[in-house]
PDB file of N, CA and C in Angstrom:
ATOM      1  N   UNK A   1     -10.646   7.594  -5.408  1.00  0.00           N
ATOM      2  CA  UNK A   1      -9.732   7.106  -6.411  1.00  0.00           C
ATOM      3  C   UNK A   1      -9.546   5.600  -6.200  1.00  0.00           C
ATOM      4  N   UNK A   2      -9.478   4.879  -7.291  1.00  0.00           N
ATOM      5  CA  UNK A   2      -9.241   3.441  -7.239  1.00  0.00           C
ATOM      6  C   UNK A   2      -7.737   3.167  -7.248  1.00  0.00           C
ATOM      7  N   UNK A   3      -7.367   2.002  -6.739  1.00  0.00           N
ATOM      8  CA  UNK A   3      -5.954   1.629  -6.675  1.00  0.00           C
ATOM      9  C   UNK A   3      -5.339   1.616  -8.074  1.00  0.00           C
ATOM     10  N   UNK A   4      -6.080   1.137  -9.059  1.00  0.00           N
ATOM     11  CA  UNK A   4      -5.530   1.092 -10.420  1.00  0.00           C
ATOM     12  C   UNK A   4      -5.260   2.498 -10.958  1.00  0.00           C
ATOM     13  N   UNK A   5      -6.051   3.483 -10.541  1.00  0.00           N
ATOM     14  CA  UNK A   5      -5.823   4.875 -10.950  1.00  0.00           C
ATOM     15  C   UNK A   5      -4.575   5.435 -10.270  1.00  0.00           C
ATOM     16  N   UNK A   6      -4.387   5.080  -9.016  1.00  0.00           N
ATOM     17  CA  UNK A   6      -3.179   5.496  -8.305  1.00  0.00           C
ATOM     18  C   UNK A   6      -1.944   4.926  -8.986  1.00  0.00           C
ATOM     19  N   UNK A   7      -2.012   3.682  -9.407  1.00  0.00           N
ATOM     20  CA  UNK A   7      -0.878   3.027 -10.054  1.00  0.00           C
ATOM     21  C   UNK A   7      -0.476   3.716 -11.356  1.00  0.00           C
ATOM     22  N   UNK A   8      -1.401   4.429 -11.964  1.00  0.00           N
ATOM     23  CA  UNK A   8      -1.108   5.119 -13.226  1.00  0.00           C
ATOM     24  C   UNK A   8      -0.518   6.507 -13.019  1.00  0.00           C
ATOM     25  N   UNK A   9      -0.532   6.982 -11.774  1.00  0.00           N
ATOM     26  CA  UNK A   9       0.031   8.304 -11.497  1.00  0.00           C
ATOM     27  C   UNK A   9       1.553   8.254 -11.567  1.00  0.00           C
ATOM     28  N   UNK A  10       2.127   9.359 -11.983  1.00  0.00           N
ATOM     29  CA  UNK A  10       3.581   9.449 -12.067  1.00  0.00           C
ATOM     30  C   UNK A  10       4.188   9.222 -10.688  1.00  0.00           C
ATOM     31  N   UNK A  11       5.238   8.406 -10.646  1.00  0.00           N
ATOM     32  CA  UNK A  11       5.943   8.135  -9.405  1.00  0.00           C
ATOM     33  C   UNK A  11       5.515   6.857  -8.704  1.00  0.00           C
ATOM     34  N   UNK A  12       4.472   6.195  -9.217  1.00  0.00           N
ATOM     35  CA  UNK A  12       3.989   4.955  -8.617  1.00  0.00           C
ATOM     36  C   UNK A  12       4.188   3.786  -9.585  1.00  0.00           C
ATOM     37  N   UNK A  13       4.481   2.623  -9.025  1.00  0.00           N
ATOM     38  CA  UNK A  13       4.702   1.420  -9.831  1.00  0.00           C
ATOM     39  C   UNK A  13       3.967   0.252  -9.170  1.00  0.00           C
ATOM     40  N   UNK A  14       3.318  -0.565  -9.975  1.00  0.00           N
ATOM     41  CA  UNK A  14       2.576  -1.717  -9.469  1.00  0.00           C
ATOM     42  C   UNK A  14       3.507  -2.879  -9.168  1.00  0.00           C
ATOM     43  N   UNK A  15       3.315  -3.478  -8.000  1.00  0.00           N
ATOM     44  CA  UNK A  15       4.020  -4.709  -7.632  1.00  0.00           C
ATOM     45  C   UNK A  15       3.030  -5.868  -7.653  1.00  0.00           C
ATOM     46  N   UNK A  16       1.863  -5.648  -7.052  1.00  0.00           N
ATOM     47  CA  UNK A  16       0.806  -6.650  -6.960  1.00  0.00           C
ATOM     48  C   UNK A  16      -0.527  -5.918  -7.064  1.00  0.00           C
ATOM     49  N   UNK A  17      -1.401  -6.348  -7.976  1.00  0.00           N
ATOM     50  CA  UNK A  17      -2.694  -5.684  -8.079  1.00  0.00           C
ATOM     51  C   UNK A  17      -3.806  -6.683  -8.405  1.00  0.00           C
ATOM     52  N   UNK A  18      -4.144  -7.529  -7.441  1.00  0.00           N
ATOM     53  CA  UNK A  18      -5.247  -8.461  -7.674  1.00  0.00           C
ATOM     54  C   UNK A  18      -6.625  -7.804  -7.594  1.00  0.00           C
ATOM     55  N   UNK A  19      -6.702  -6.589  -7.001  1.00  0.00           N
ATOM     56  CA  UNK A  19      -7.988  -5.908  -6.845  1.00  0.00           C
ATOM     57  C   UNK A  19      -7.836  -4.414  -7.132  1.00  0.00           C
ATOM     58  N   UNK A  20      -7.532  -4.082  -8.375  1.00  0.00           N
ATOM     59  CA  UNK A  20      -7.318  -2.695  -8.768  1.00  0.00           C
ATOM     60  C   UNK A  20      -8.549  -1.816  -8.671  1.00  0.00           C
ATOM     61  N   UNK A  21      -9.728  -2.410  -8.565  1.00  0.00           N
ATOM     62  CA  UNK A  21     -10.979  -1.654  -8.454  1.00  0.00           C
ATOM     63  C   UNK A  21     -11.236  -1.166  -7.032  1.00  0.00           C
ATOM     64  N   UNK A  22     -10.390  -1.565  -6.100  1.00  0.00           N
ATOM     65  CA  UNK A  22     -10.567  -1.167  -4.693  1.00  0.00           C
ATOM     66  C   UNK A  22     -10.460   0.346  -4.559  1.00  0.00           C
ATOM     67  N   UNK A  23     -11.402   0.937  -3.874  1.00  0.00           N
ATOM     68  CA  UNK A  23     -11.459   2.387  -3.687  1.00  0.00           C
ATOM     69  C   UNK A  23     -10.595   2.788  -2.491  1.00  0.00           C
ATOM     70  N   UNK A  24      -9.800   3.851  -2.658  1.00  0.00           N
ATOM     71  CA  UNK A  24      -8.966   4.377  -1.579  1.00  0.00           C
ATOM     72  C   UNK A  24      -9.755   5.459  -0.853  1.00  0.00           C
ATOM     73  N   UNK A  25      -9.900   5.293   0.466  1.00  0.00           N
ATOM     74  CA  UNK A  25     -10.685   6.234   1.236  1.00  0.00           C
ATOM     75  C   UNK A  25      -9.866   7.166   2.110  1.00  0.00           C
ATOM     76  N   UNK A  26      -8.598   6.863   2.291  1.00  0.00           N
ATOM     77  CA  UNK A  26      -7.738   7.676   3.144  1.00  0.00           C
ATOM     78  C   UNK A  26      -6.302   7.206   3.029  1.00  0.00           C
ATOM     79  N   UNK A  27      -5.448   7.765   3.858  1.00  0.00           N
ATOM     80  CA  UNK A  27      -4.024   7.420   3.846  1.00  0.00           C
ATOM     81  C   UNK A  27      -3.569   7.200   5.275  1.00  0.00           C
ATOM     82  N   UNK A  28      -2.769   6.172   5.487  1.00  0.00           N
ATOM     83  CA  UNK A  28      -2.158   5.922   6.794  1.00  0.00           C
ATOM     84  C   UNK A  28      -0.672   5.667   6.578  1.00  0.00           C
ATOM     85  N   UNK A  29       0.177   6.314   7.374  1.00  0.00           N
ATOM     86  CA  UNK A  29       1.616   6.112   7.300  1.00  0.00           C
ATOM     87  C   UNK A  29       2.074   5.465   8.594  1.00  0.00           C
ATOM     88  N   UNK A  30       2.768   4.342   8.491  1.00  0.00           N
ATOM     89  CA  UNK A  30       3.279   3.701   9.699  1.00  0.00           C
ATOM     90  C   UNK A  30       4.144   2.502   9.378  1.00  0.00           C
ATOM     91  N   UNK A  31       5.130   2.272  10.251  1.00  0.00           N
ATOM     92  CA  UNK A  31       6.046   1.150  10.075  1.00  0.00           C
ATOM     93  C   UNK A  31       5.989   0.134  11.210  1.00  0.00           C
ATOM     94  N   UNK A  32       5.378   0.489  12.313  1.00  0.00           N
ATOM     95  CA  UNK A  32       5.238  -0.443  13.425  1.00  0.00           C
ATOM     96  C   UNK A  32       3.970  -1.256  13.177  1.00  0.00           C
ATOM     97  N   UNK A  33       4.139  -2.519  12.820  1.00  0.00           N
ATOM     98  CA  UNK A  33       3.024  -3.317  12.325  1.00  0.00           C
ATOM     99  C   UNK A  33       1.865  -3.426  13.311  1.00  0.00           C
ATOM    100  N   UNK A  34       2.150  -3.604  14.580  1.00  0.00           N
ATOM    101  CA  UNK A  34       1.057  -3.704  15.562  1.00  0.00           C
ATOM    102  C   UNK A  34       0.295  -2.382  15.663  1.00  0.00           C
ATOM    103  N   UNK A  35       0.981  -1.290  15.483  1.00  0.00           N
ATOM    104  CA  UNK A  35       0.352   0.036  15.512  1.00  0.00           C
ATOM    105  C   UNK A  35      -0.581   0.189  14.303  1.00  0.00           C
ATOM    106  N   UNK A  36      -0.103  -0.222  13.150  1.00  0.00           N
ATOM    107  CA  UNK A  36      -0.898  -0.138  11.919  1.00  0.00           C
ATOM    108  C   UNK A  36      -2.151  -1.006  12.042  1.00  0.00           C
ATOM    109  N   UNK A  37      -1.996  -2.210  12.590  1.00  0.00           N
ATOM    110  CA  UNK A  37      -3.146  -3.106  12.747  1.00  0.00           C
ATOM    111  C   UNK A  37      -4.258  -2.462  13.564  1.00  0.00           C
ATOM    112  N   UNK A  38      -3.890  -1.693  14.564  1.00  0.00           N
ATOM    113  CA  UNK A  38      -4.884  -1.098  15.434  1.00  0.00           C
ATOM    114  C   UNK A  38      -5.392   0.263  15.000  1.00  0.00           C
ATOM    115  N   UNK A  39      -4.699   0.903  14.051  1.00  0.00           N
ATOM    116  CA  UNK A  39      -5.059   2.284  13.732  1.00  0.00           C
ATOM    117  C   UNK A  39      -5.410   2.564  12.265  1.00  0.00           C
ATOM    118  N   UNK A  40      -4.867   1.798  11.351  1.00  0.00           N
ATOM    119  CA  UNK A  40      -5.221   2.000   9.940  1.00  0.00           C
ATOM    120  C   UNK A  40      -6.694   1.651   9.754  1.00  0.00           C
ATOM    121  N   UNK A  41      -7.355   2.405   8.905  1.00  0.00           N
ATOM    122  CA  UNK A  41      -8.776   2.184   8.654  1.00  0.00           C
ATOM    123  C   UNK A  41      -8.956   1.358   7.376  1.00  0.00           C
ATOM    124  N   UNK A  42     -10.084   0.687   7.307  1.00  0.00           N
ATOM    125  CA  UNK A  42     -10.438  -0.024   6.081  1.00  0.00           C
ATOM    126  C   UNK A  42     -10.430   0.974   4.927  1.00  0.00           C
ATOM    127  N   UNK A  43      -9.904   0.553   3.810  1.00  0.00           N
ATOM    128  CA  UNK A  43      -9.816   1.332   2.575  1.00  0.00           C
ATOM    129  C   UNK A  43      -8.707   2.383   2.575  1.00  0.00           C
ATOM    130  N   UNK A  44      -7.886   2.444   3.620  1.00  0.00           N
ATOM    131  CA  UNK A  44      -6.731   3.341   3.599  1.00  0.00           C
ATOM    132  C   UNK A  44      -5.670   2.818   2.632  1.00  0.00           C
ATOM    133  N   UNK A  45      -4.930   3.732   2.056  1.00  0.00           N
ATOM    134  CA  UNK A  45      -3.680   3.391   1.369  1.00  0.00           C
ATOM    135  C   UNK A  45      -2.625   3.455   2.467  1.00  0.00           C
ATOM    136  N   UNK A  46      -2.007   2.335   2.773  1.00  0.00           N
ATOM    137  CA  UNK A  46      -1.026   2.253   3.864  1.00  0.00           C
ATOM    138  C   UNK A  46       0.362   2.463   3.287  1.00  0.00           C
ATOM    139  N   UNK A  47       1.044   3.488   3.750  1.00  0.00           N
ATOM    140  CA  UNK A  47       2.398   3.809   3.294  1.00  0.00           C
ATOM    141  C   UNK A  47       3.395   3.354   4.342  1.00  0.00           C
ATOM    142  N   UNK A  48       4.409   2.608   3.912  1.00  0.00           N
ATOM    143  CA  UNK A  48       5.411   2.057   4.814  1.00  0.00           C
ATOM    144  C   UNK A  48       6.731   1.857   4.071  1.00  0.00           C
ATOM    145  N   UNK A  49       7.780   1.593   4.837  1.00  0.00           N
ATOM    146  CA  UNK A  49       9.042   1.169   4.238  1.00  0.00           C
ATOM    147  C   UNK A  49       9.337  -0.292   4.599  1.00  0.00           C
ATOM    148  N   UNK A  50       8.436  -0.903   5.364  1.00  0.00           N
ATOM    149  CA  UNK A  50       8.593  -2.317   5.737  1.00  0.00           C
ATOM    150  C   UNK A  50       8.347  -3.185   4.508  1.00  0.00           C
ATOM    151  N   UNK A  51       9.140  -4.239   4.375  1.00  0.00           N
ATOM    152  CA  UNK A  51       8.975  -5.075   3.182  1.00  0.00           C
ATOM    153  C   UNK A  51       8.941  -6.566   3.486  1.00  0.00           C
ATOM    154  N   UNK A  52       8.792  -6.940   4.739  1.00  0.00           N
ATOM    155  CA  UNK A  52       8.762  -8.375   5.031  1.00  0.00           C
ATOM    156  C   UNK A  52       7.355  -8.937   4.828  1.00  0.00           C
ATOM    157  N   UNK A  53       7.247 -10.224   4.891  1.00  0.00           N
ATOM    158  CA  UNK A  53       6.006 -10.937   4.602  1.00  0.00           C
ATOM    159  C   UNK A  53       4.852 -10.499   5.508  1.00  0.00           C
ATOM    160  N   UNK A  54       5.165 -10.013   6.691  1.00  0.00           N
ATOM    161  CA  UNK A  54       4.120  -9.637   7.646  1.00  0.00           C
ATOM    162  C   UNK A  54       3.267  -8.456   7.187  1.00  0.00           C
ATOM    163  N   UNK A  55       3.758  -7.651   6.263  1.00  0.00           N
ATOM    164  CA  UNK A  55       2.946  -6.531   5.781  1.00  0.00           C
ATOM    165  C   UNK A  55       1.681  -7.022   5.084  1.00  0.00           C
ATOM    166  N   UNK A  56       1.770  -8.164   4.442  1.00  0.00           N
ATOM    167  CA  UNK A  56       0.605  -8.721   3.746  1.00  0.00           C
ATOM    168  C   UNK A  56      -0.470  -9.107   4.756  1.00  0.00           C
ATOM    169  N   UNK A  57      -0.059  -9.744   5.840  1.00  0.00           N
ATOM    170  CA  UNK A  57      -1.017 -10.134   6.880  1.00  0.00           C
ATOM    171  C   UNK A  57      -1.650  -8.907   7.529  1.00  0.00           C
ATOM    172  N   UNK A  58      -0.849  -7.885   7.818  1.00  0.00           N
ATOM    173  CA  UNK A  58      -1.369  -6.673   8.456  1.00  0.00           C
ATOM    174  C   UNK A  58      -2.351  -5.962   7.524  1.00  0.00           C
ATOM    175  N   UNK A  59      -1.998  -5.844   6.264  1.00  0.00           N
ATOM    176  CA  UNK A  59      -2.905  -5.193   5.301  1.00  0.00           C
ATOM    177  C   UNK A  59      -4.222  -5.952   5.197  1.00  0.00           C
ATOM    178  N   UNK A  60      -4.147  -7.253   5.237  1.00  0.00           N
ATOM    179  CA  UNK A  60      -5.352  -8.073   5.167  1.00  0.00           C
ATOM    180  C   UNK A  60      -6.212  -7.889   6.424  1.00  0.00           C
ATOM    181  N   UNK A  61      -5.586  -7.914   7.588  1.00  0.00           N
ATOM    182  CA  UNK A  61      -6.317  -7.735   8.848  1.00  0.00           C
ATOM    183  C   UNK A  61      -6.928  -6.339   8.965  1.00  0.00           C
ATOM    184  N   UNK A  62      -6.184  -5.330   8.552  1.00  0.00           N
ATOM    185  CA  UNK A  62      -6.670  -3.952   8.642  1.00  0.00           C
ATOM    186  C   UNK A  62      -7.602  -3.600   7.484  1.00  0.00           C
ATOM    187  N   UNK A  63      -7.656  -4.455   6.481  1.00  0.00           N
ATOM    188  CA  UNK A  63      -8.499  -4.262   5.302  1.00  0.00           C
ATOM    189  C   UNK A  63      -8.144  -2.986   4.544  1.00  0.00           C
ATOM    190  N   UNK A  64      -6.838  -2.714   4.411  1.00  0.00           N
ATOM    191  CA  UNK A  64      -6.410  -1.539   3.658  1.00  0.00           C
ATOM    192  C   UNK A  64      -6.619  -1.767   2.165  1.00  0.00           C
ATOM    193  N   UNK A  65      -6.790  -0.683   1.434  1.00  0.00           N
ATOM    194  CA  UNK A  65      -6.990  -0.772  -0.017  1.00  0.00           C
ATOM    195  C   UNK A  65      -5.704  -1.218  -0.717  1.00  0.00           C
ATOM    196  N   UNK A  66      -4.576  -0.770  -0.165  1.00  0.00           N
ATOM    197  CA  UNK A  66      -3.287  -1.145  -0.750  1.00  0.00           C
ATOM    198  C   UNK A  66      -2.166  -0.817   0.227  1.00  0.00           C
ATOM    199  N   UNK A  67      -1.022  -1.386  -0.058  1.00  0.00           N
ATOM    200  CA  UNK A  67       0.218  -1.037   0.624  1.00  0.00           C
ATOM    201  C   UNK A  67       1.040  -0.260  -0.393  1.00  0.00           C
ATOM    202  N   UNK A  68       1.653   0.818   0.058  1.00  0.00           N
ATOM    203  CA  UNK A  68       2.575   1.562  -0.798  1.00  0.00           C
ATOM    204  C   UNK A  68       3.929   1.576  -0.116  1.00  0.00           C
ATOM    205  N   UNK A  69       4.910   1.015  -0.785  1.00  0.00           N
ATOM    206  CA  UNK A  69       6.270   0.995  -0.269  1.00  0.00           C
ATOM    207  C   UNK A  69       6.958   2.271  -0.714  1.00  0.00           C
ATOM    208  N   UNK A  70       7.223   3.161   0.243  1.00  0.00           N
ATOM    209  CA  UNK A  70       7.829   4.457  -0.062  1.00  0.00           C
ATOM    210  C   UNK A  70       9.343   4.325  -0.245  1.00  0.00           C
ATOM    211  N   UNK A  71       9.933   5.370  -0.775  1.00  0.00           N
ATOM    212  CA  UNK A  71      11.385   5.510  -0.923  1.00  0.00           C
ATOM    213  C   UNK A  71      12.026   4.412  -1.772  1.00  0.00           C
ATOM    214  N   UNK A  72      11.250   3.880  -2.720  1.00  0.00           N
ATOM    215  CA  UNK A  72      11.791   2.900  -3.655  1.00  0.00           C
ATOM    216  C   UNK A  72      12.037   1.521  -3.081  1.00  0.00           C
ATOM    217  N   UNK A  73      11.455   1.218  -1.927  1.00  0.00           N
ATOM    218  CA  UNK A  73      11.622  -0.101  -1.314  1.00  0.00           C
ATOM    219  C   UNK A  73      11.082  -1.157  -2.269  1.00  0.00           C
ATOM    220  N   UNK A  74      11.790  -2.263  -2.363  1.00  0.00           N
ATOM    221  CA  UNK A  74      11.383  -3.358  -3.245  1.00  0.00           C
ATOM    222  C   UNK A  74      11.043  -4.596  -2.429  1.00  0.00           C
ATOM    223  N   UNK A  75      10.256  -5.488  -3.016  1.00  0.00           N
ATOM    224  CA  UNK A  75       9.826  -6.717  -2.348  1.00  0.00           C
ATOM    225  C   UNK A  75      10.492  -7.953  -2.932  1.00  0.00           C
ATOM    226  N   UNK A  76      10.632  -8.973  -2.096  1.00  0.00           N
ATOM    227  CA  UNK A  76      11.030 -10.293  -2.574  1.00  0.00           C
ATOM    228  C   UNK A  76       9.885 -10.874  -3.398  1.00  0.00           C
ATOM    229  N   UNK A  77      10.221 -11.745  -4.308  1.00  0.00           N
ATOM    230  CA  UNK A  77       9.198 -12.395  -5.134  1.00  0.00           C
ATOM    231  C   UNK A  77       8.214 -13.188  -4.279  1.00  0.00           C
ATOM    232  N   UNK A  78       8.676 -13.787  -3.199  1.00  0.00           N
ATOM    233  CA  UNK A  78       7.803 -14.579  -2.333  1.00  0.00           C
ATOM    234  C   UNK A  78       6.732 -13.706  -1.681  1.00  0.00           C
ATOM    235  N   UNK A  79       7.086 -12.490  -1.292  1.00  0.00           N
ATOM    236  CA  UNK A  79       6.107 -11.580  -0.691  1.00  0.00           C
ATOM    237  C   UNK A  79       5.083 -11.157  -1.743  1.00  0.00           C
ATOM    238  N   UNK A  80       5.558 -10.894  -2.945  1.00  0.00           N
ATOM    239  CA  UNK A  80       4.652 -10.528  -4.042  1.00  0.00           C
ATOM    240  C   UNK A  80       3.675 -11.657  -4.340  1.00  0.00           C
ATOM    241  N   UNK A  81       4.163 -12.883  -4.372  1.00  0.00           N
ATOM    242  CA  UNK A  81       3.294 -14.042  -4.610  1.00  0.00           C
ATOM    243  C   UNK A  81       2.226 -14.164  -3.527  1.00  0.00           C
ATOM    244  N   UNK A  82       2.633 -13.994  -2.284  1.00  0.00           N
ATOM    245  CA  UNK A  82       1.690 -14.076  -1.169  1.00  0.00           C
ATOM    246  C   UNK A  82       0.657 -12.964  -1.261  1.00  0.00           C
ATOM    247  N   UNK A  83       1.080 -11.765  -1.605  1.00  0.00           N
ATOM    248  CA  UNK A  83       0.152 -10.639  -1.752  1.00  0.00           C
ATOM    249  C   UNK A  83      -0.896 -10.942  -2.817  1.00  0.00           C
ATOM    250  N   UNK A  84      -0.464 -11.477  -3.936  1.00  0.00           N
ATOM    251  CA  UNK A  84      -1.418 -11.838  -4.991  1.00  0.00           C
ATOM    252  C   UNK A  84      -2.390 -12.907  -4.502  1.00  0.00           C
ATOM    253  N   UNK A  85      -1.872 -13.904  -3.798  1.00  0.00           N
ATOM    254  CA  UNK A  85      -2.719 -14.987  -3.293  1.00  0.00           C
ATOM    255  C   UNK A  85      -3.715 -14.500  -2.245  1.00  0.00           C
ATOM    256  N   UNK A  86      -3.323 -13.500  -1.460  1.00  0.00           N
ATOM    257  CA  UNK A  86      -4.175 -12.983  -0.387  1.00  0.00           C
ATOM    258  C   UNK A  86      -4.989 -11.759  -0.821  1.00  0.00           C
ATOM    259  N   UNK A  87      -4.937 -11.428  -2.107  1.00  0.00           N
ATOM    260  CA  UNK A  87      -5.721 -10.321  -2.665  1.00  0.00           C
ATOM    261  C   UNK A  87      -5.318  -8.961  -2.081  1.00  0.00           C
ATOM    262  N   UNK A  88      -4.002  -8.742  -1.899  1.00  0.00           N
ATOM    263  CA  UNK A  88      -3.477  -7.499  -1.341  1.00  0.00           C
ATOM    264  C   UNK A  88      -2.745  -6.729  -2.433  1.00  0.00           C
ATOM    265  N   UNK A  89      -3.195  -5.509  -2.699  1.00  0.00           N
ATOM    266  CA  UNK A  89      -2.555  -4.631  -3.684  1.00  0.00           C
ATOM    267  C   UNK A  89      -1.296  -4.016  -3.081  1.00  0.00           C
ATOM    268  N   UNK A  90      -0.209  -4.019  -3.853  1.00  0.00           N
ATOM    269  CA  UNK A  90       1.031  -3.377  -3.404  1.00  0.00           C
ATOM    270  C   UNK A  90       1.600  -2.540  -4.541  1.00  0.00           C
ATOM    271  N   UNK A  91       1.956  -1.303  -4.185  1.00  0.00           N
ATOM    272  CA  UNK A  91       2.604  -0.377  -5.115  1.00  0.00           C
ATOM    273  C   UNK A  91       3.908   0.095  -4.492  1.00  0.00           C
ATOM    274  N   UNK A  92       4.790   0.634  -5.314  1.00  0.00           N
ATOM    275  CA  UNK A  92       5.985   1.290  -4.795  1.00  0.00           C
ATOM    276  C   UNK A  92       5.978   2.739  -5.264  1.00  0.00           C
ATOM    277  N   UNK A  93       6.683   3.561  -4.498  1.00  0.00           N
ATOM    278  CA  UNK A  93       6.852   4.971  -4.845  1.00  0.00           C
ATOM    279  C   UNK A  93       8.280   5.353  -4.495  1.00  0.00           C
ATOM    280  N   UNK A  94       8.917   6.119  -5.356  1.00  0.00           N
ATOM    281  CA  UNK A  94      10.284   6.568  -5.077  1.00  0.00           C
ATOM    282  C   UNK A  94      10.306   7.713  -4.066  1.00  0.00           C
ATOM    283  N   UNK A  95       9.172   8.341  -3.852  1.00  0.00           N
ATOM    284  CA  UNK A  95       9.085   9.507  -2.967  1.00  0.00           C
ATOM    285  C   UNK A  95       9.132   9.082  -1.495  1.00  0.00           C
ATOM    286  N   UNK A  96       9.531  10.000  -0.602  1.00  0.00           N
ATOM    287  CA  UNK A  96       9.394   9.738   0.831  1.00  0.00           C
ATOM    288  C   UNK A  96       7.921   9.578   1.199  1.00  0.00           C
ATOM    289  N   UNK A  97       7.653   9.037   2.362  1.00  0.00           N
ATOM    290  CA  UNK A  97       6.283   8.752   2.789  1.00  0.00           C
ATOM    291  C   UNK A  97       5.400  10.001   2.789  1.00  0.00           C
ATOM    292  N   UNK A  98       5.907  11.109   3.296  1.00  0.00           N
ATOM    293  CA  UNK A  98       5.106  12.330   3.360  1.00  0.00           C
ATOM    294  C   UNK A  98       4.690  12.796   1.966  1.00  0.00           C
ATOM    295  N   UNK A  99       5.631  12.844   1.044  1.00  0.00           N
ATOM    296  CA  UNK A  99       5.323  13.274  -0.324  1.00  0.00           C
ATOM    297  C   UNK A  99       4.363  12.302  -1.003  1.00  0.00           C
ATOM    298  N   UNK A 100       4.517  11.026  -0.722  1.00  0.00           N
ATOM    299  CA  UNK A 100       3.608  10.007  -1.266  1.00  0.00           C
ATOM    300  C   UNK A 100       2.194  10.262  -0.760  1.00  0.00           C
ATOM    301  N   UNK A 101       2.063  10.504   0.545  1.00  0.00           N
ATOM    302  CA  UNK A 101       0.750  10.783   1.123  1.00  0.00           C
ATOM    303  C   UNK A 101       0.132  12.041   0.546  1.00  0.00           C
ATOM    304  N   UNK A 102       0.940  13.062   0.353  1.00  0.00           N
ATOM    305  CA  UNK A 102       0.434  14.313  -0.222  1.00  0.00           C
ATOM    306  C   UNK A 102      -0.059  14.105  -1.655  1.00  0.00           C
ATOM    307  N   UNK A 103       0.643  13.300  -2.434  1.00  0.00           N
ATOM    308  CA  UNK A 103       0.230  13.014  -3.814  1.00  0.00           C
ATOM    309  C   UNK A 103      -1.118  12.307  -3.836  1.00  0.00           C
ATOM    310  N   UNK A 104      -1.311  11.362  -2.927  1.00  0.00           N
ATOM    311  CA  UNK A 104      -2.568  10.640  -2.861  1.00  0.00           C
ATOM    312  C   UNK A 104      -3.680  11.540  -2.317  1.00  0.00           C
ATOM    313  N   UNK A 105      -3.379  12.271  -1.260  1.00  0.00           N
ATOM    314  CA  UNK A 105      -4.367  13.139  -0.624  1.00  0.00           C
ATOM    315  C   UNK A 105      -4.928  14.186  -1.570  1.00  0.00           C
ATOM    316  N   UNK A 106      -4.133  14.623  -2.512  1.00  0.00           N
ATOM    317  CA  UNK A 106      -4.592  15.616  -3.481  1.00  0.00           C
ATOM    318  C   UNK A 106      -5.611  15.034  -4.461  1.00  0.00           C
ATOM    319  N   UNK A 107      -5.681  13.695  -4.546  1.00  0.00           N
ATOM    320  CA  UNK A 107      -6.553  13.041  -5.521  1.00  0.00           C
ATOM    321  C   UNK A 107      -7.794  12.391  -4.904  1.00  0.00           C
ATOM    322  N   UNK A 108      -7.824  12.263  -3.578  1.00  0.00           N
ATOM    323  CA  UNK A 108      -9.007  11.613  -2.976  1.00  0.00           C
ATOM    324  C   UNK A 108      -9.871  12.621  -2.243  1.00  0.00           C
TER     325      UNK A 108
END
């Protein structure tokens, strides 16, 4: 499934999508940024509740397909701008992380 297809699913909202054609290959859930950097795989959809600027750097380093902010977490405009500039896709979901992962897992 591509990130743009995920964004069209019920319960997901686009925050930043400079590369909607990016293919999602798996799902990773984590909030400890150093842990995510070492364990998330390239092309994973990374689910987190973290919303500071560092998520953009971690997603870029880990080469994730997108970041999904679970539980309705919102971003500052500055983080959104940086994500667009760094080619990092970000979506939000009102669901808890587990339910978000299950929704994605059913489609990939």
